Amino acid sequence: MAVPKRKTSKARRDKRRSNSWKLSMPSFSKCTKCGGLKTPHRVCGNCGYYKGIQIVEKDA
């Protein structure tokens, strides 16, 4: 059976137990064309526009 050779310090133990390693929620911005929510620096999923230019053809 494995037995630790040294005591784990409180700082090391608490760093491991903290929630700092969890991913954060992605931020959202408003589309200038349709007003829908989208992730920044990405093509809008609703209308297909990026910076006022149509990138993806979307059906009406």
Protein backbone atom coordinates (compact mmCIF):
# COMPACT_ATOMS: atom_id res chain seq x y z
CA MET A 1 0.00 0.00 0.00
CA ALA A 2 1.35 3.45 -0.93
CA VAL A 3 2.12 5.76 1.95
CA PRO A 4 3.14 9.44 1.53
CA LYS A 5 6.74 10.19 2.53
CA ARG A 6 6.05 13.83 3.41
CA LYS A 7 3.13 15.78 4.80
CA THR A 8 1.22 17.75 2.18
CA SER A 9 1.27 21.43 3.13
CA LYS A 10 -1.95 23.37 3.59
CA ALA A 11 -1.12 25.65 0.65
CA ARG A 12 -0.52 22.72 -1.71
CA ARG A 13 -3.66 20.94 -0.51
CA ASP A 14 -5.82 24.05 -0.84
CA LYS A 15 -4.47 24.86 -4.34
CA ARG A 16 -5.53 21.42 -5.47
CA ARG A 17 -8.99 21.77 -3.89
CA SER A 18 -9.63 25.27 -5.23
CA ASN A 19 -11.87 25.96 -8.21
CA SER A 20 -9.23 27.96 -10.11
CA TRP A 21 -8.75 25.19 -12.68
CA LYS A 22 -12.35 25.29 -13.90
CA LEU A 23 -13.11 26.89 -17.26
CA SER A 24 -14.93 30.20 -17.29
CA MET A 25 -18.08 30.93 -19.26
CA PRO A 26 -17.37 32.40 -22.73
CA SER A 27 -18.26 36.05 -23.19
CA PHE A 28 -20.96 37.11 -25.64
CA SER A 29 -21.40 40.21 -27.77
CA LYS A 30 -24.35 41.58 -29.68
CA CYS A 31 -24.48 41.19 -33.46
CA THR A 32 -24.56 44.58 -35.20
CA LYS A 33 -26.82 43.29 -37.98
CA CYS A 34 -29.51 41.19 -36.26
CA GLY A 35 -28.91 41.93 -32.57
CA GLY A 36 -28.49 38.26 -31.63
CA LEU A 37 -25.90 37.01 -29.16
CA LYS A 38 -22.63 35.66 -30.57
CA THR A 39 -19.11 35.02 -29.38
CA PRO A 40 -16.68 37.86 -30.16
CA HIS A 41 -14.59 37.68 -33.36
CA ARG A 42 -16.84 35.00 -34.87
CA VAL A 43 -19.43 34.94 -37.64
CA CYS A 44 -22.99 35.38 -36.32
CA GLY A 45 -24.89 32.10 -36.31
CA ASN A 46 -28.24 33.80 -36.87
CA CYS A 47 -27.56 36.01 -39.90
CA GLY A 48 -24.10 34.95 -41.15
CA TYR A 49 -22.57 38.45 -40.98
CA TYR A 50 -19.18 39.45 -39.57
CA LYS A 51 -18.21 43.14 -39.25
CA GLY A 52 -21.07 44.15 -41.54
CA ILE A 53 -20.03 41.80 -44.37
CA GLN A 54 -22.05 38.71 -45.26
CA ILE A 55 -19.78 35.69 -44.91
CA VAL A 56 -22.25 32.79 -44.81
CA GLU A 57 -25.44 32.55 -46.87
CA LYS A 58 -28.43 32.00 -44.58
CA ASP A 59 -31.98 31.13 -45.64
CA ALA A 60 -34.67 33.59 -44.61
